[in-house]
Amino acid sequence: MEGSRKTPGRKATLTRKEQAAETRERLKQATIRVLGRIGYRQMRIADVTREAGVAVGLFYHYFADLQAVTSEVLSDYMAEMTAKARKVTPSDDLFETLREQYKILIGHFEEQPGLMRCMLQASEEIPEFGEIWKASNRQWTHSFARRLSEALGPEKLDRKTSLLMAYCLGSMSDGVVHEYYVQQNPDLVGCVDSRDQLAEALATLTYRAVFLANPPREKLGAAAAIAVAPAGQ
């Protein structure tokens, strides 16, 4: 039984409760690695326990099934994503705000492309996580819609139109980043040199869609060529 035998080193100093917490966390980290390598649909409990270095039977002491551990690790990661996004200081400059938010989104795909791929799979197959996923996306989209309305003014952009634009623009950016990091489309990979370039390209296209104009030229760097074509024509 876990905690029944003392071993040299750090383990010997842990209480039974601490050992249990450590084992549970080890299983979660193992799940993250397995999800990243092979995805949710191919993952088996034996894959997770082998990765964690524990017996298969011990898994059920901490989690009911694969859905439970997957839902927990993906929910944790979504909370981490949200926390990072909220650290961006609100700015009156929509272009700068967009660029920083896209950098954060791209950073998550760079760090955990397999986990980001699994979020879409799990949102369709794990009801509990699916609700969390939908609520998070809805919250982000409504927040983006409010930002668009503030940037243009409610007299120019009503609530329904701003929400429609937010969903369209959000789907564009999610799709491009997913295709680059998860699907690794060779055409797209060949067009992008850096995270900053991709973030700036998405920010520029979003800005043009909202204002029918280019961002200020002096703010552009890696993706300045995207603003060469006349906007609003």
Protein backbone atom coordinates (compact mmCIF):
# COMPACT_ATOMS: atom_id res chain seq x y z
CA MET A 1 0.00 0.00 0.00
CA GLU A 2 1.15 3.52 -0.78
CA GLY A 3 3.00 5.03 2.17
CA SER A 4 3.34 1.72 4.04
CA ARG A 5 7.05 1.31 3.39
CA LYS A 6 9.68 3.91 4.07
CA THR A 7 12.34 4.42 1.44
CA PRO A 8 15.54 6.48 1.60
CA GLY A 9 15.50 10.10 0.52
CA ARG A 10 12.64 12.50 0.09
CA LYS A 11 9.89 9.87 0.02
CA ALA A 12 10.70 8.88 3.58
CA THR A 13 9.94 12.42 4.77
CA LEU A 14 6.51 12.64 3.13
CA THR A 15 3.32 11.92 4.99
CA ARG A 16 0.83 9.47 3.52
CA LYS A 17 -1.34 12.39 2.42
CA GLU A 18 1.60 14.11 0.73
CA GLN A 19 2.59 10.91 -1.05
CA ALA A 20 -0.97 10.50 -2.30
CA ALA A 21 -1.01 14.08 -3.61
CA GLU A 22 2.34 13.52 -5.30
CA THR A 23 1.17 10.32 -6.98
CA ARG A 24 -2.03 11.98 -8.16
CA GLU A 25 -0.05 14.84 -9.67
CA ARG A 26 2.35 12.36 -11.29
CA LEU A 27 -0.62 10.68 -12.97
CA LYS A 28 -1.88 14.04 -14.22
CA GLN A 29 1.51 15.00 -15.65
CA ALA A 30 1.79 11.58 -17.28
CA THR A 31 -1.65 12.09 -18.83
CA ILE A 32 -0.52 15.41 -20.30
CA ARG A 33 2.51 13.78 -21.91
CA VAL A 34 0.53 10.84 -23.30
CA LEU A 35 -2.20 13.13 -24.63
CA GLY A 36 0.48 15.19 -26.33
CA ARG A 37 2.02 12.16 -28.01
CA ILE A 38 -0.93 10.06 -29.11
CA GLY A 39 -4.14 11.99 -28.40
CA TYR A 40 -7.22 11.27 -26.35
CA ARG A 41 -8.84 8.70 -28.63
CA GLN A 42 -5.81 6.39 -28.65
CA MET A 43 -4.84 6.80 -25.01
CA ARG A 44 -5.27 3.88 -22.58
CA ILE A 45 -4.98 3.73 -18.80
CA ALA A 46 -1.96 1.45 -19.18
CA ASP A 47 -0.24 4.20 -21.21
CA VAL A 48 -0.73 6.68 -18.39
CA THR A 49 0.36 4.39 -15.57
CA ARG A 50 3.41 3.24 -17.52
CA GLU A 51 4.37 6.86 -18.13
CA ALA A 52 3.83 7.68 -14.44
CA GLY A 53 5.68 4.58 -13.24
CA VAL A 54 2.83 3.23 -11.11
CA ALA A 55 0.66 0.11 -11.13
CA VAL A 56 -2.48 0.15 -13.28
CA GLY A 57 -4.66 -0.58 -10.25
CA LEU A 58 -3.39 2.54 -8.50
CA PHE A 59 -4.92 4.74 -11.19
CA TYR A 60 -8.43 3.94 -9.95
CA HIS A 61 -7.53 5.10 -6.45
CA TYR A 62 -7.33 8.66 -7.82
CA PHE A 63 -9.50 8.81 -10.94
CA ALA A 64 -12.68 7.04 -12.00
CA ASP A 65 -11.58 6.68 -15.63
CA LEU A 66 -9.68 8.34 -18.46
CA GLN A 67 -12.44 10.87 -18.98
CA ALA A 68 -12.05 12.10 -15.42
CA VAL A 69 -8.28 12.64 -15.54
CA THR A 70 -8.42 14.10 -19.05
CA SER A 71 -11.17 16.52 -18.10
CA GLU A 72 -9.18 17.66 -15.06
CA VAL A 73 -5.86 18.24 -16.83
CA LEU A 74 -7.49 20.04 -19.77
CA SER A 75 -9.61 22.18 -17.44
CA ASP A 76 -6.47 23.10 -15.50
CA TYR A 77 -4.73 24.10 -18.71
CA MET A 78 -7.68 26.18 -19.85
CA ALA A 79 -7.65 28.00 -16.51
CA GLU A 80 -3.94 28.68 -17.00
CA MET A 81 -4.62 30.03 -20.50
CA THR A 82 -7.33 32.33 -19.18
CA ALA A 83 -5.10 33.60 -16.37
CA LYS A 84 -2.33 34.48 -18.84
CA ALA A 85 -4.74 36.27 -21.16
CA ARG A 86 -6.09 38.36 -18.29
CA LYS A 87 -2.59 39.56 -17.44
CA VAL A 88 -2.52 41.63 -20.62
CA THR A 89 -3.01 45.23 -19.52
CA PRO A 90 -6.13 46.72 -21.15
CA SER A 91 -5.19 49.31 -23.74
CA ASP A 92 -7.01 51.88 -25.85
CA ASP A 93 -4.88 50.63 -28.74
CA LEU A 94 -6.82 47.71 -30.23
CA PHE A 95 -3.95 46.65 -32.48
CA GLU A 96 -1.50 46.32 -29.60
CA THR A 97 -4.06 44.41 -27.54
CA LEU A 98 -4.77 42.02 -30.40
CA ARG A 99 -1.09 41.41 -31.04
CA GLU A 100 -0.38 40.58 -27.39
CA GLN A 101 -3.41 38.28 -27.12
CA TYR A 102 -2.42 36.42 -30.29
CA LYS A 103 1.10 35.98 -28.93
CA ILE A 104 -0.36 34.31 -25.86
CA LEU A 105 -2.59 32.03 -27.95
CA ILE A 106 0.33 31.06 -30.19
CA GLY A 107 2.52 30.46 -27.13
CA HIS A 108 0.10 27.82 -25.84
CA PHE A 109 0.17 26.01 -29.17
CA GLU A 110 3.97 26.18 -29.25
CA GLU A 111 4.29 24.74 -25.75
CA GLN A 112 1.55 22.08 -25.94
CA PRO A 113 0.43 21.41 -29.53
CA GLY A 114 -0.74 17.90 -28.64
CA LEU A 115 -2.74 19.13 -25.66
CA MET A 116 -4.38 21.86 -27.72
CA ARG A 117 -5.34 19.25 -30.32
CA CYS A 118 -6.86 17.08 -27.61
CA MET A 119 -9.02 19.92 -26.34
CA LEU A 120 -11.10 19.78 -29.49
CA GLN A 121 -11.36 15.99 -29.33
CA ALA A 122 -12.28 15.96 -25.65
CA SER A 123 -14.79 18.80 -25.97
CA GLU A 124 -16.80 16.55 -28.29
CA GLU A 125 -16.47 13.32 -26.31
CA ILE A 126 -16.35 14.30 -22.62
CA PRO A 127 -19.59 16.11 -21.65
CA GLU A 128 -18.14 17.63 -18.47
CA PHE A 129 -15.16 19.14 -20.25
CA GLY A 130 -17.31 20.07 -23.25
CA GLU A 131 -19.39 22.36 -21.06
CA ILE A 132 -16.26 24.00 -19.64
CA TRP A 133 -14.87 24.42 -23.15
CA LYS A 134 -18.05 26.01 -24.50
CA ALA A 135 -18.41 28.33 -21.51
CA SER A 136 -14.81 29.50 -21.80
CA ASN A 137 -15.07 30.12 -25.54
CA ARG A 138 -18.34 31.95 -25.10
CA GLN A 139 -16.89 34.15 -22.36
CA TRP A 140 -13.85 35.02 -24.49
CA THR A 141 -15.97 35.76 -27.58
CA HIS A 142 -18.37 38.03 -25.70
CA SER A 143 -15.41 39.87 -24.19
CA PHE A 144 -13.90 40.31 -27.65
CA ALA A 145 -17.24 41.52 -29.01
CA ARG A 146 -17.43 44.19 -26.30
CA ARG A 147 -13.90 45.29 -27.17
CA LEU A 148 -14.83 45.63 -30.83
CA SER A 149 -17.93 47.64 -29.97
CA GLU A 150 -15.89 49.96 -27.75
CA ALA A 151 -13.29 50.45 -30.48
CA LEU A 152 -15.85 51.48 -33.12
CA GLY A 153 -18.57 52.90 -30.93
CA PRO A 154 -22.02 51.36 -30.37
CA GLU A 155 -23.53 53.73 -32.95
CA LYS A 156 -21.43 52.03 -35.65
CA LEU A 157 -21.46 48.46 -34.37
CA ASP A 158 -24.52 47.03 -32.64
CA ARG A 159 -24.31 44.10 -30.23
CA LYS A 160 -25.40 41.40 -32.68
CA THR A 161 -22.97 42.52 -35.36
CA SER A 162 -20.05 42.81 -32.93
CA LEU A 163 -20.77 39.31 -31.63
CA LEU A 164 -20.94 37.90 -35.15
CA MET A 165 -17.63 39.55 -36.00
CA ALA A 166 -16.05 38.22 -32.82
CA TYR A 167 -17.06 34.64 -33.64
CA CYS A 168 -15.84 34.96 -37.24
CA LEU A 169 -12.51 36.54 -36.36
CA GLY A 170 -11.96 34.16 -33.44
CA SER A 171 -12.57 31.15 -35.66
CA MET A 172 -10.14 32.52 -38.23
CA SER A 173 -7.32 32.91 -35.74
CA ASP A 174 -7.98 29.57 -34.01
CA GLY A 175 -8.07 27.79 -37.36
CA VAL A 176 -4.81 29.30 -38.62
CA VAL A 177 -2.88 28.59 -35.42
CA HIS A 178 -4.29 25.05 -35.23
CA GLU A 179 -3.33 24.37 -38.84
CA TYR A 180 0.18 25.70 -38.24
CA TYR A 181 1.05 23.97 -34.97
CA VAL A 182 -1.16 20.88 -34.92
CA GLN A 183 -1.68 19.95 -38.56
CA GLN A 184 1.69 21.46 -39.55
CA ASN A 185 0.50 22.42 -43.01
CA PRO A 186 3.76 22.72 -45.00
CA ASP A 187 2.47 25.65 -47.05
CA LEU A 188 1.61 27.61 -43.94
CA VAL A 189 4.79 26.59 -42.13
CA GLY A 190 6.78 27.87 -45.09
CA CYS A 191 5.09 31.28 -44.85
CA VAL A 192 5.83 31.95 -41.19
CA ASP A 193 9.23 32.77 -39.73
CA SER A 194 8.39 33.44 -36.08
CA ARG A 195 5.70 33.66 -33.41
CA ASP A 196 5.83 37.45 -33.61
CA GLN A 197 5.25 37.41 -37.36
CA LEU A 198 2.22 35.14 -37.06
CA ALA A 199 0.76 37.14 -34.16
CA GLU A 200 1.23 40.38 -36.05
CA ALA A 201 -0.30 38.94 -39.21
CA LEU A 202 -3.43 37.86 -37.34
CA ALA A 203 -3.63 41.20 -35.50
CA THR A 204 -3.27 43.11 -38.78
CA LEU A 205 -5.96 41.12 -40.55
CA THR A 206 -8.31 41.46 -37.58
CA TYR A 207 -7.68 45.21 -37.39
CA ARG A 208 -8.38 45.59 -41.11
CA ALA A 209 -11.61 43.61 -40.78
CA VAL A 210 -12.79 45.88 -37.96
CA PHE A 211 -11.71 49.33 -39.20
CA LEU A 212 -11.41 48.74 -42.97
CA ALA A 213 -8.00 50.35 -42.61
CA ASN A 214 -4.43 49.36 -41.91
CA PRO A 215 -2.88 49.63 -38.43
CA PRO A 216 -0.49 52.55 -38.01
CA ARG A 217 2.54 51.79 -40.18
CA GLU A 218 4.99 52.55 -37.39
CA LYS A 219 3.52 49.75 -35.29
CA LEU A 220 4.20 47.08 -37.88
CA GLY A 221 7.30 44.97 -38.01
CA ALA A 222 7.45 41.31 -38.94
CA ALA A 223 4.19 41.29 -40.89
CA ALA A 224 4.30 44.75 -42.44
CA ALA A 225 3.87 43.33 -45.95
CA ILE A 226 0.29 42.32 -45.11
CA ALA A 227 -0.60 45.99 -44.80
CA VAL A 228 0.73 46.86 -48.26
CA ALA A 229 -2.54 46.12 -50.06
CA PRO A 230 -5.02 48.99 -49.78
CA ALA A 231 -7.67 48.40 -47.12
CA GLY A 232 -11.34 49.18 -47.47
CA GLN A 233 -11.49 48.62 -51.21
